[in-house]
Amino acid sequence: MRKQPSPEPVAVVIDSIERVEKGAGCYRRSLPAVGPVSAWVVDMDPGSEWPYVDHHDEMGEQVYIASGELIEGERRYQAGQYIVFGPNSSHRPRTDTGVRLIGFNLLGRLLR
């Protein structure tokens, strides 16, 4: 049996996607994704803090620091680092220098 060709890939320029302000100096862009995955980019201006505590379900969250520095509590994460926030975790990111991060969430509600 011959396998059907996959559809054409979707390619986007991140900065062309509409950004939504989540709080002072904090912006989110939703990225295209396939299946039960949410993918997004967050840009935070220097000196900003995410406007609320980010709570995760049993699937947690994964974040790649594309540029800048992210601060979580007393820990500082640099560009090139990948962070895994475990199941049922919570955090409130901030930055002194500004940061761009790319994040992924598995949508646990859809996996059941």
PDB file of N, CA and C in Angstrom:
ATOM      1  N   MET A   1       0.851  -1.174   0.000  1.00  0.00           N
ATOM      2  CA  MET A   1       0.000   0.000   0.000  1.00  0.00           C
ATOM      3  C   MET A   1       0.895   1.235   0.000  1.00  0.00           C
ATOM      4  N   ARG A   2       0.582   2.145  -0.867  1.00  0.00           N
ATOM      5  CA  ARG A   2       1.385   3.359  -0.996  1.00  0.00           C
ATOM      6  C   ARG A   2       0.928   4.398   0.020  1.00  0.00           C
ATOM      7  N   LYS A   3       1.883   4.978   0.721  1.00  0.00           N
ATOM      8  CA  LYS A   3       1.581   6.009   1.716  1.00  0.00           C
ATOM      9  C   LYS A   3       1.229   7.321   1.016  1.00  0.00           C
ATOM     10  N   GLN A   4       0.175   7.972   1.502  1.00  0.00           N
ATOM     11  CA  GLN A   4      -0.244   9.255   0.940  1.00  0.00           C
ATOM     12  C   GLN A   4       0.765  10.335   1.319  1.00  0.00           C
ATOM     13  N   PRO A   5       1.054  11.251   0.394  1.00  0.00           N
ATOM     14  CA  PRO A   5       1.971  12.342   0.736  1.00  0.00           C
ATOM     15  C   PRO A   5       1.363  13.234   1.804  1.00  0.00           C
ATOM     16  N   SER A   6       2.223  13.772   2.667  1.00  0.00           N
ATOM     17  CA  SER A   6       1.723  14.671   3.692  1.00  0.00           C
ATOM     18  C   SER A   6       1.434  16.048   3.097  1.00  0.00           C
ATOM     19  N   PRO A   7       0.523  16.769   3.738  1.00  0.00           N
ATOM     20  CA  PRO A   7       0.220  18.114   3.244  1.00  0.00           C
ATOM     21  C   PRO A   7       1.450  19.019   3.344  1.00  0.00           C
ATOM     22  N   GLU A   8       1.378  20.106   2.622  1.00  0.00           N
ATOM     23  CA  GLU A   8       2.480  21.072   2.645  1.00  0.00           C
ATOM     24  C   GLU A   8       2.675  21.603   4.068  1.00  0.00           C
ATOM     25  N   PRO A   9       3.923  21.828   4.450  1.00  0.00           N
ATOM     26  CA  PRO A   9       4.170  22.411   5.770  1.00  0.00           C
ATOM     27  C   PRO A   9       3.657  23.851   5.837  1.00  0.00           C
ATOM     28  N   VAL A  10       3.382  24.282   7.042  1.00  0.00           N
ATOM     29  CA  VAL A  10       2.968  25.661   7.290  1.00  0.00           C
ATOM     30  C   VAL A  10       4.186  26.400   7.823  1.00  0.00           C
ATOM     31  N   ALA A  11       4.546  27.488   7.174  1.00  0.00           N
ATOM     32  CA  ALA A  11       5.676  28.300   7.623  1.00  0.00           C
ATOM     33  C   ALA A  11       5.181  29.717   7.868  1.00  0.00           C
ATOM     34  N   VAL A  12       5.563  30.278   8.994  1.00  0.00           N
ATOM     35  CA  VAL A  12       5.159  31.644   9.324  1.00  0.00           C
ATOM     36  C   VAL A  12       6.385  32.436   9.779  1.00  0.00           C
ATOM     37  N   VAL A  13       6.321  33.727   9.593  1.00  0.00           N
ATOM     38  CA  VAL A  13       7.316  34.634  10.163  1.00  0.00           C
ATOM     39  C   VAL A  13       6.737  35.082  11.503  1.00  0.00           C
ATOM     40  N   ILE A  14       7.414  34.739  12.583  1.00  0.00           N
ATOM     41  CA  ILE A  14       6.869  34.979  13.917  1.00  0.00           C
ATOM     42  C   ILE A  14       6.449  36.428  14.106  1.00  0.00           C
ATOM     43  N   ASP A  15       7.280  37.370  13.688  1.00  0.00           N
ATOM     44  CA  ASP A  15       6.951  38.774  13.916  1.00  0.00           C
ATOM     45  C   ASP A  15       5.782  39.274  13.072  1.00  0.00           C
ATOM     46  N   SER A  16       5.299  38.464  12.116  1.00  0.00           N
ATOM     47  CA  SER A  16       4.129  38.862  11.335  1.00  0.00           C
ATOM     48  C   SER A  16       2.825  38.416  11.994  1.00  0.00           C
ATOM     49  N   ILE A  17       2.908  37.570  13.012  1.00  0.00           N
ATOM     50  CA  ILE A  17       1.722  37.101  13.726  1.00  0.00           C
ATOM     51  C   ILE A  17       1.285  38.182  14.706  1.00  0.00           C
ATOM     52  N   GLU A  18      -0.010  38.420  14.760  1.00  0.00           N
ATOM     53  CA  GLU A  18      -0.540  39.431  15.678  1.00  0.00           C
ATOM     54  C   GLU A  18      -0.127  39.108  17.110  1.00  0.00           C
ATOM     55  N   ARG A  19       0.373  40.115  17.796  1.00  0.00           N
ATOM     56  CA  ARG A  19       0.726  39.917  19.204  1.00  0.00           C
ATOM     57  C   ARG A  19      -0.381  40.483  20.077  1.00  0.00           C
ATOM     58  N   VAL A  20      -0.627  39.774  21.171  1.00  0.00           N
ATOM     59  CA  VAL A  20      -1.667  40.166  22.109  1.00  0.00           C
ATOM     60  C   VAL A  20      -0.983  40.588  23.401  1.00  0.00           C
ATOM     61  N   GLU A  21      -1.291  41.786  23.862  1.00  0.00           N
ATOM     62  CA  GLU A  21      -0.698  42.259  25.115  1.00  0.00           C
ATOM     63  C   GLU A  21      -1.391  41.564  26.279  1.00  0.00           C
ATOM     64  N   LYS A  22      -0.608  40.893  27.113  1.00  0.00           N
ATOM     65  CA  LYS A  22      -1.137  40.167  28.273  1.00  0.00           C
ATOM     66  C   LYS A  22      -1.004  40.970  29.549  1.00  0.00           C
ATOM     67  N   GLY A  23      -0.137  41.972  29.522  1.00  0.00           N
ATOM     68  CA  GLY A  23       0.124  42.843  30.663  1.00  0.00           C
ATOM     69  C   GLY A  23       1.183  43.836  30.229  1.00  0.00           C
ATOM     70  N   ALA A  24       1.528  44.750  31.092  1.00  0.00           N
ATOM     71  CA  ALA A  24       2.497  45.794  30.751  1.00  0.00           C
ATOM     72  C   ALA A  24       3.819  45.176  30.284  1.00  0.00           C
ATOM     73  N   GLY A  25       4.157  45.374  29.008  1.00  0.00           N
ATOM     74  CA  GLY A  25       5.423  44.885  28.460  1.00  0.00           C
ATOM     75  C   GLY A  25       5.470  43.401  28.171  1.00  0.00           C
ATOM     76  N   CYS A  26       4.334  42.705  28.238  1.00  0.00           N
ATOM     77  CA  CYS A  26       4.281  41.252  28.024  1.00  0.00           C
ATOM     78  C   CYS A  26       3.328  40.937  26.873  1.00  0.00           C
ATOM     79  N   TYR A  27       3.851  40.240  25.851  1.00  0.00           N
ATOM     80  CA  TYR A  27       3.092  39.979  24.635  1.00  0.00           C
ATOM     81  C   TYR A  27       3.165  38.501  24.268  1.00  0.00           C
ATOM     82  N   ARG A  28       2.070  37.985  23.728  1.00  0.00           N
ATOM     83  CA  ARG A  28       2.009  36.581  23.321  1.00  0.00           C
ATOM     84  C   ARG A  28       1.523  36.482  21.879  1.00  0.00           C
ATOM     85  N   ARG A  29       2.157  35.573  21.137  1.00  0.00           N
ATOM     86  CA  ARG A  29       1.731  35.242  19.774  1.00  0.00           C
ATOM     87  C   ARG A  29       1.440  33.747  19.740  1.00  0.00           C
ATOM     88  N   SER A  30       0.288  33.369  19.222  1.00  0.00           N
ATOM     89  CA  SER A  30      -0.051  31.950  19.085  1.00  0.00           C
ATOM     90  C   SER A  30       0.498  31.433  17.760  1.00  0.00           C
ATOM     91  N   LEU A  31       1.191  30.301  17.813  1.00  0.00           N
ATOM     92  CA  LEU A  31       1.787  29.690  16.620  1.00  0.00           C
ATOM     93  C   LEU A  31       0.913  28.553  16.111  1.00  0.00           C
ATOM     94  N   PRO A  32       0.972  28.285  14.817  1.00  0.00           N
ATOM     95  CA  PRO A  32       0.250  27.119  14.307  1.00  0.00           C
ATOM     96  C   PRO A  32       0.838  25.847  14.926  1.00  0.00           C
ATOM     97  N   ALA A  33      -0.007  24.879  15.184  1.00  0.00           N
ATOM     98  CA  ALA A  33       0.438  23.609  15.757  1.00  0.00           C
ATOM     99  C   ALA A  33      -0.471  22.501  15.251  1.00  0.00           C
ATOM    100  N   VAL A  34      -0.016  21.269  15.409  1.00  0.00           N
ATOM    101  CA  VAL A  34      -0.782  20.104  14.965  1.00  0.00           C
ATOM    102  C   VAL A  34      -1.078  19.235  16.179  1.00  0.00           C
ATOM    103  N   GLY A  35      -2.276  18.683  16.215  1.00  0.00           N
ATOM    104  CA  GLY A  35      -2.636  17.780  17.297  1.00  0.00           C
ATOM    105  C   GLY A  35      -2.897  18.518  18.594  1.00  0.00           C
ATOM    106  N   PRO A  36      -2.803  17.806  19.693  1.00  0.00           N
ATOM    107  CA  PRO A  36      -3.136  18.390  20.991  1.00  0.00           C
ATOM    108  C   PRO A  36      -1.969  19.189  21.599  1.00  0.00           C
ATOM    109  N   VAL A  37      -1.434  20.136  20.806  1.00  0.00           N
ATOM    110  CA  VAL A  37      -0.306  20.949  21.255  1.00  0.00           C
ATOM    111  C   VAL A  37      -0.664  22.414  21.073  1.00  0.00           C
ATOM    112  N   SER A  38      -0.337  23.212  22.061  1.00  0.00           N
ATOM    113  CA  SER A  38      -0.424  24.660  21.939  1.00  0.00           C
ATOM    114  C   SER A  38       1.012  25.173  21.857  1.00  0.00           C
ATOM    115  N   ALA A  39       1.311  25.981  20.848  1.00  0.00           N
ATOM    116  CA  ALA A  39       2.653  26.539  20.678  1.00  0.00           C
ATOM    117  C   ALA A  39       2.525  28.053  20.611  1.00  0.00           C
ATOM    118  N   TRP A  40       3.478  28.759  21.206  1.00  0.00           N
ATOM    119  CA  TRP A  40       3.365  30.205  21.316  1.00  0.00           C
ATOM    120  C   TRP A  40       4.728  30.855  21.504  1.00  0.00           C
ATOM    121  N   VAL A  41       4.767  32.153  21.273  1.00  0.00           N
ATOM    122  CA  VAL A  41       5.957  32.965  21.520  1.00  0.00           C
ATOM    123  C   VAL A  41       5.555  34.057  22.493  1.00  0.00           C
ATOM    124  N   VAL A  42       6.378  34.276  23.487  1.00  0.00           N
ATOM    125  CA  VAL A  42       6.174  35.382  24.420  1.00  0.00           C
ATOM    126  C   VAL A  42       7.375  36.304  24.320  1.00  0.00           C
ATOM    127  N   ASP A  43       7.090  37.584  24.185  1.00  0.00           N
ATOM    128  CA  ASP A  43       8.108  38.626  24.259  1.00  0.00           C
ATOM    129  C   ASP A  43       7.824  39.461  25.497  1.00  0.00           C
ATOM    130  N   MET A  44       8.871  39.692  26.289  1.00  0.00           N
ATOM    131  CA  MET A  44       8.739  40.525  27.476  1.00  0.00           C
ATOM    132  C   MET A  44       9.780  41.630  27.413  1.00  0.00           C
ATOM    133  N   ASP A  45       9.318  42.865  27.603  1.00  0.00           N
ATOM    134  CA  ASP A  45      10.208  44.020  27.591  1.00  0.00           C
ATOM    135  C   ASP A  45      11.110  44.018  28.825  1.00  0.00           C
ATOM    136  N   PRO A  46      12.264  44.689  28.753  1.00  0.00           N
ATOM    137  CA  PRO A  46      13.136  44.797  29.929  1.00  0.00           C
ATOM    138  C   PRO A  46      12.359  45.335  31.137  1.00  0.00           C
ATOM    139  N   GLY A  47      12.586  44.705  32.283  1.00  0.00           N
ATOM    140  CA  GLY A  47      11.961  45.131  33.529  1.00  0.00           C
ATOM    141  C   GLY A  47      10.526  44.682  33.710  1.00  0.00           C
ATOM    142  N   SER A  48      10.007  43.827  32.832  1.00  0.00           N
ATOM    143  CA  SER A  48       8.605  43.404  32.950  1.00  0.00           C
ATOM    144  C   SER A  48       8.467  42.099  33.716  1.00  0.00           C
ATOM    145  N   GLU A  49       7.248  41.875  34.180  1.00  0.00           N
ATOM    146  CA  GLU A  49       6.891  40.642  34.894  1.00  0.00           C
ATOM    147  C   GLU A  49       5.558  40.165  34.335  1.00  0.00           C
ATOM    148  N   TRP A  50       5.425  38.843  34.139  1.00  0.00           N
ATOM    149  CA  TRP A  50       4.173  38.277  33.656  1.00  0.00           C
ATOM    150  C   TRP A  50       3.069  38.724  34.605  1.00  0.00           C
ATOM    151  N   PRO A  51       1.914  39.132  34.096  1.00  0.00           N
ATOM    152  CA  PRO A  51       0.904  39.782  34.935  1.00  0.00           C
ATOM    153  C   PRO A  51       0.190  38.880  35.945  1.00  0.00           C
ATOM    154  N   TYR A  52       0.399  37.590  35.875  1.00  0.00           N
ATOM    155  CA  TYR A  52      -0.246  36.687  36.828  1.00  0.00           C
ATOM    156  C   TYR A  52       0.590  35.420  36.973  1.00  0.00           C
ATOM    157  N   VAL A  53       0.280  34.633  37.993  1.00  0.00           N
ATOM    158  CA  VAL A  53       0.952  33.350  38.178  1.00  0.00           C
ATOM    159  C   VAL A  53       0.410  32.386  37.133  1.00  0.00           C
ATOM    160  N   ASP A  54       1.312  31.731  36.417  1.00  0.00           N
ATOM    161  CA  ASP A  54       0.960  30.793  35.355  1.00  0.00           C
ATOM    162  C   ASP A  54       0.862  29.399  35.966  1.00  0.00           C
ATOM    163  N   HIS A  55      -0.344  28.826  35.999  1.00  0.00           N
ATOM    164  CA  HIS A  55      -0.581  27.497  36.567  1.00  0.00           C
ATOM    165  C   HIS A  55      -0.705  26.483  35.430  1.00  0.00           C
ATOM    166  N   HIS A  56      -0.093  25.314  35.604  1.00  0.00           N
ATOM    167  CA  HIS A  56      -0.122  24.268  34.579  1.00  0.00           C
ATOM    168  C   HIS A  56      -0.892  23.057  35.058  1.00  0.00           C
ATOM    169  N   ASP A  57      -1.477  22.347  34.089  1.00  0.00           N
ATOM    170  CA  ASP A  57      -2.194  21.125  34.415  1.00  0.00           C
ATOM    171  C   ASP A  57      -1.212  19.955  34.510  1.00  0.00           C
ATOM    172  N   GLU A  58      -1.724  18.746  34.425  1.00  0.00           N
ATOM    173  CA  GLU A  58      -0.887  17.550  34.568  1.00  0.00           C
ATOM    174  C   GLU A  58       0.115  17.376  33.429  1.00  0.00           C
ATOM    175  N   MET A  59      -0.004  18.181  32.365  1.00  0.00           N
ATOM    176  CA  MET A  59       0.920  18.067  31.235  1.00  0.00           C
ATOM    177  C   MET A  59       2.109  19.027  31.340  1.00  0.00           C
ATOM    178  N   GLY A  60       2.074  19.970  32.279  1.00  0.00           N
ATOM    179  CA  GLY A  60       3.195  20.892  32.451  1.00  0.00           C
ATOM    180  C   GLY A  60       3.363  21.850  31.282  1.00  0.00           C
ATOM    181  N   GLU A  61       4.594  22.323  31.120  1.00  0.00           N
ATOM    182  CA  GLU A  61       4.905  23.282  30.052  1.00  0.00           C
ATOM    183  C   GLU A  61       6.393  23.184  29.729  1.00  0.00           C
ATOM    184  N   GLN A  62       6.730  23.419  28.455  1.00  0.00           N
ATOM    185  CA  GLN A  62       8.123  23.425  28.025  1.00  0.00           C
ATOM    186  C   GLN A  62       8.396  24.769  27.357  1.00  0.00           C
ATOM    187  N   VAL A  63       9.582  25.342  27.666  1.00  0.00           N
ATOM    188  CA  VAL A  63       9.926  26.668  27.173  1.00  0.00           C
ATOM    189  C   VAL A  63      11.370  26.672  26.688  1.00  0.00           C
ATOM    190  N   TYR A  64      11.583  27.284  25.523  1.00  0.00           N
ATOM    191  CA  TYR A  64      12.931  27.491  24.988  1.00  0.00           C
ATOM    192  C   TYR A  64      13.201  28.988  24.994  1.00  0.00           C
ATOM    193  N   ILE A  65      14.320  29.401  25.597  1.00  0.00           N
ATOM    194  CA  ILE A  65      14.693  30.812  25.644  1.00  0.00           C
ATOM    195  C   ILE A  65      15.420  31.143  24.341  1.00  0.00           C
ATOM    196  N   ALA A  66      14.756  31.893  23.459  1.00  0.00           N
ATOM    197  CA  ALA A  66      15.331  32.227  22.155  1.00  0.00           C
ATOM    198  C   ALA A  66      16.323  33.380  22.262  1.00  0.00           C
ATOM    199  N   SER A  67      16.028  34.363  23.109  1.00  0.00           N
ATOM    200  CA  SER A  67      16.944  35.484  23.312  1.00  0.00           C
ATOM    201  C   SER A  67      16.657  36.121  24.670  1.00  0.00           C
ATOM    202  N   GLY A  68      17.665  36.791  25.205  1.00  0.00           N
ATOM    203  CA  GLY A  68      17.499  37.489  26.473  1.00  0.00           C
ATOM    204  C   GLY A  68      17.664  36.579  27.667  1.00  0.00           C
ATOM    205  N   GLU A  69      17.081  37.011  28.774  1.00  0.00           N
ATOM    206  CA  GLU A  69      17.194  36.280  30.044  1.00  0.00           C
ATOM    207  C   GLU A  69      15.840  36.236  30.729  1.00  0.00           C
ATOM    208  N   LEU A  70      15.485  35.065  31.229  1.00  0.00           N
ATOM    209  CA  LEU A  70      14.243  34.849  31.961  1.00  0.00           C
ATOM    210  C   LEU A  70      14.590  34.597  33.418  1.00  0.00           C
ATOM    211  N   ILE A  71      13.832  35.194  34.328  1.00  0.00           N
ATOM    212  CA  ILE A  71      14.047  34.991  35.766  1.00  0.00           C
ATOM    213  C   ILE A  71      12.813  34.312  36.335  1.00  0.00           C
ATOM    214  N   GLU A  72      13.050  33.211  37.030  1.00  0.00           N
ATOM    215  CA  GLU A  72      12.001  32.465  37.736  1.00  0.00           C
ATOM    216  C   GLU A  72      12.442  32.345  39.185  1.00  0.00           C
ATOM    217  N   GLY A  73      11.783  33.064  40.077  1.00  0.00           N
ATOM    218  CA  GLY A  73      12.236  33.079  41.468  1.00  0.00           C
ATOM    219  C   GLY A  73      13.626  33.689  41.519  1.00  0.00           C
ATOM    220  N   GLU A  74      14.599  32.943  42.030  1.00  0.00           N
ATOM    221  CA  GLU A  74      15.991  33.409  42.100  1.00  0.00           C
ATOM    222  C   GLU A  74      16.849  32.859  40.969  1.00  0.00           C
ATOM    223  N   ARG A  75      16.281  32.007  40.119  1.00  0.00           N
ATOM    224  CA  ARG A  75      17.050  31.389  39.025  1.00  0.00           C
ATOM    225  C   ARG A  75      16.958  32.213  37.759  1.00  0.00           C
ATOM    226  N   ARG A  76      18.086  32.312  37.074  1.00  0.00           N
ATOM    227  CA  ARG A  76      18.167  33.048  35.813  1.00  0.00           C
ATOM    228  C   ARG A  76      18.487  32.069  34.694  1.00  0.00           C
ATOM    229  N   TYR A  77      17.718  32.159  33.616  1.00  0.00           N
ATOM    230  CA  TYR A  77      17.885  31.291  32.460  1.00  0.00           C
ATOM    231  C   TYR A  77      18.279  32.147  31.256  1.00  0.00           C
ATOM    232  N   GLN A  78      19.261  31.671  30.523  1.00  0.00           N
ATOM    233  CA  GLN A  78      19.834  32.422  29.404  1.00  0.00           C
ATOM    234  C   GLN A  78      19.342  31.878  28.063  1.00  0.00           C
ATOM    235  N   ALA A  79      19.557  32.689  27.013  1.00  0.00           N
ATOM    236  CA  ALA A  79      19.238  32.268  25.651  1.00  0.00           C
ATOM    237  C   ALA A  79      19.907  30.927  25.368  1.00  0.00           C
ATOM    238  N   GLY A  80      19.179  30.039  24.717  1.00  0.00           N
ATOM    239  CA  GLY A  80      19.684  28.711  24.390  1.00  0.00           C
ATOM    240  C   GLY A  80      19.281  27.652  25.396  1.00  0.00           C
ATOM    241  N   GLN A  81      18.746  28.044  26.547  1.00  0.00           N
ATOM    242  CA  GLN A  81      18.325  27.052  27.539  1.00  0.00           C
ATOM    243  C   GLN A  81      16.881  26.623  27.285  1.00  0.00           C
ATOM    244  N   TYR A  82      16.594  25.376  27.645  1.00  0.00           N
ATOM    245  CA  TYR A  82      15.277  24.764  27.511  1.00  0.00           C
ATOM    246  C   TYR A  82      14.823  24.396  28.912  1.00  0.00           C
ATOM    247  N   ILE A  83      13.624  24.815  29.289  1.00  0.00           N
ATOM    248  CA  ILE A  83      13.112  24.610  30.648  1.00  0.00           C
ATOM    249  C   ILE A  83      11.860  23.748  30.575  1.00  0.00           C
ATOM    250  N   VAL A  84      11.762  22.777  31.466  1.00  0.00           N
ATOM    251  CA  VAL A  84      10.558  21.956  31.578  1.00  0.00           C
ATOM    252  C   VAL A  84       9.927  22.242  32.936  1.00  0.00           C
ATOM    253  N   PHE A  85       8.713  22.760  32.907  1.00  0.00           N
ATOM    254  CA  PHE A  85       7.931  22.956  34.125  1.00  0.00           C
ATOM    255  C   PHE A  85       7.054  21.721  34.266  1.00  0.00           C
ATOM    256  N   GLY A  86       7.169  21.029  35.370  1.00  0.00           N
ATOM    257  CA  GLY A  86       6.507  19.742  35.558  1.00  0.00           C
ATOM    258  C   GLY A  86       5.004  19.832  35.733  1.00  0.00           C
ATOM    259  N   PRO A  87       4.373  18.670  35.863  1.00  0.00           N
ATOM    260  CA  PRO A  87       2.923  18.608  36.050  1.00  0.00           C
ATOM    261  C   PRO A  87       2.481  19.421  37.260  1.00  0.00           C
ATOM    262  N   ASN A  88       1.381  20.124  37.101  1.00  0.00           N
ATOM    263  CA  ASN A  88       0.753  20.894  38.178  1.00  0.00           C
ATOM    264  C   ASN A  88       1.676  21.946  38.788  1.00  0.00           C
ATOM    265  N   SER A  89       2.630  22.423  38.021  1.00  0.00           N
ATOM    266  CA  SER A  89       3.544  23.463  38.508  1.00  0.00           C
ATOM    267  C   SER A  89       2.940  24.845  38.263  1.00  0.00           C
ATOM    268  N   SER A  90       3.555  25.832  38.878  1.00  0.00           N
ATOM    269  CA  SER A  90       3.168  27.220  38.643  1.00  0.00           C
ATOM    270  C   SER A  90       4.412  28.091  38.750  1.00  0.00           C
ATOM    271  N   HIS A  91       4.373  29.240  38.074  1.00  0.00           N
ATOM    272  CA  HIS A  91       5.509  30.151  38.107  1.00  0.00           C
ATOM    273  C   HIS A  91       5.043  31.514  37.613  1.00  0.00           C
ATOM    274  N   ARG A  92       5.862  32.534  37.860  1.00  0.00           N
ATOM    275  CA  ARG A  92       5.570  33.893  37.405  1.00  0.00           C
ATOM    276  C   ARG A  92       6.864  34.497  36.867  1.00  0.00           C
ATOM    277  N   PRO A  93       7.095  34.392  35.558  1.00  0.00           N
ATOM    278  CA  PRO A  93       8.352  34.846  34.984  1.00  0.00           C
ATOM    279  C   PRO A  93       8.494  36.367  34.988  1.00  0.00           C
ATOM    280  N   ARG A  94       9.755  36.790  35.004  1.00  0.00           N
ATOM    281  CA  ARG A  94      10.083  38.206  34.873  1.00  0.00           C
ATOM    282  C   ARG A  94      11.411  38.303  34.145  1.00  0.00           C
ATOM    283  N   THR A  95      11.804  39.522  33.794  1.00  0.00           N
ATOM    284  CA  THR A  95      13.076  39.723  33.110  1.00  0.00           C
ATOM    285  C   THR A  95      13.610  41.116  33.403  1.00  0.00           C
ATOM    286  N   ASP A  96      14.912  41.219  33.547  1.00  0.00           N
ATOM    287  CA  ASP A  96      15.569  42.520  33.681  1.00  0.00           C
ATOM    288  C   ASP A  96      15.986  43.042  32.312  1.00  0.00           C
ATOM    289  N   THR A  97      16.357  42.132  31.408  1.00  0.00           N
ATOM    290  CA  THR A  97      16.973  42.497  30.132  1.00  0.00           C
ATOM    291  C   THR A  97      16.015  42.440  28.951  1.00  0.00           C
ATOM    292  N   GLY A  98      14.863  41.806  29.122  1.00  0.00           N
ATOM    293  CA  GLY A  98      13.968  41.477  28.022  1.00  0.00           C
ATOM    294  C   GLY A  98      14.209  40.031  27.630  1.00  0.00           C
ATOM    295  N   VAL A  99      13.189  39.389  27.067  1.00  0.00           N
ATOM    296  CA  VAL A  99      13.312  37.985  26.712  1.00  0.00           C
ATOM    297  C   VAL A  99      12.314  37.636  25.612  1.00  0.00           C
ATOM    298  N   ARG A 100      12.708  36.697  24.768  1.00  0.00           N
ATOM    299  CA  ARG A 100      11.780  36.051  23.832  1.00  0.00           C
ATOM    300  C   ARG A 100      11.860  34.567  24.113  1.00  0.00           C
ATOM    301  N   LEU A 101      10.704  33.954  24.354  1.00  0.00           N
ATOM    302  CA  LEU A 101      10.673  32.521  24.580  1.00  0.00           C
ATOM    303  C   LEU A 101       9.631  31.871  23.697  1.00  0.00           C
ATOM    304  N   ILE A 102       9.902  30.630  23.374  1.00  0.00           N
ATOM    305  CA  ILE A 102       8.989  29.819  22.577  1.00  0.00           C
ATOM    306  C   ILE A 102       8.523  28.691  23.487  1.00  0.00           C
ATOM    307  N   GLY A 103       7.225  28.541  23.613  1.00  0.00           N
ATOM    308  CA  GLY A 103       6.697  27.559  24.546  1.00  0.00           C
ATOM    309  C   GLY A 103       5.736  26.581  23.901  1.00  0.00           C
ATOM    310  N   PHE A 104       5.581  25.457  24.597  1.00  0.00           N
ATOM    311  CA  PHE A 104       4.716  24.376  24.142  1.00  0.00           C
ATOM    312  C   PHE A 104       3.949  23.825  25.334  1.00  0.00           C
ATOM    313  N   ASN A 105       2.681  23.593  25.138  1.00  0.00           N
ATOM    314  CA  ASN A 105       1.861  22.923  26.136  1.00  0.00           C
ATOM    315  C   ASN A 105       1.133  21.779  25.439  1.00  0.00           C
ATOM    316  N   LEU A 106       1.200  20.595  26.012  1.00  0.00           N
ATOM    317  CA  LEU A 106       0.310  19.524  25.572  1.00  0.00           C
ATOM    318  C   LEU A 106      -1.037  19.788  26.219  1.00  0.00           C
ATOM    319  N   LEU A 107      -2.076  19.630  25.476  1.00  0.00           N
ATOM    320  CA  LEU A 107      -3.415  19.918  25.981  1.00  0.00           C
ATOM    321  C   LEU A 107      -3.994  18.644  26.573  1.00  0.00           C
ATOM    322  N   GLY A 108      -3.770  18.430  27.858  1.00  0.00           N
ATOM    323  CA  GLY A 108      -4.189  17.214  28.542  1.00  0.00           C
ATOM    324  C   GLY A 108      -5.659  16.917  28.408  1.00  0.00           C
ATOM    325  N   ARG A 109      -6.471  17.949  28.374  1.00  0.00           N
ATOM    326  CA  ARG A 109      -7.923  17.743  28.261  1.00  0.00           C
ATOM    327  C   ARG A 109      -8.262  17.016  26.961  1.00  0.00           C
ATOM    328  N   LEU A 110      -7.481  17.238  25.917  1.00  0.00           N
ATOM    329  CA  LEU A 110      -7.762  16.600  24.624  1.00  0.00           C
ATOM    330  C   LEU A 110      -7.201  15.186  24.532  1.00  0.00           C
ATOM    331  N   LEU A 111      -6.296  14.824  25.422  1.00  0.00           N
ATOM    332  CA  LEU A 111      -5.659  13.510  25.365  1.00  0.00           C
ATOM    333  C   LEU A 111      -6.500  12.430  26.049  1.00  0.00           C
ATOM    334  N   ARG A 112      -7.475  12.817  26.809  1.00  0.00           N
ATOM    335  CA  ARG A 112      -8.285  11.850  27.544  1.00  0.00           C
ATOM    336  C   ARG A 112      -9.284  11.160  26.667  1.00  0.00           C
TER     337      ARG A 112
END
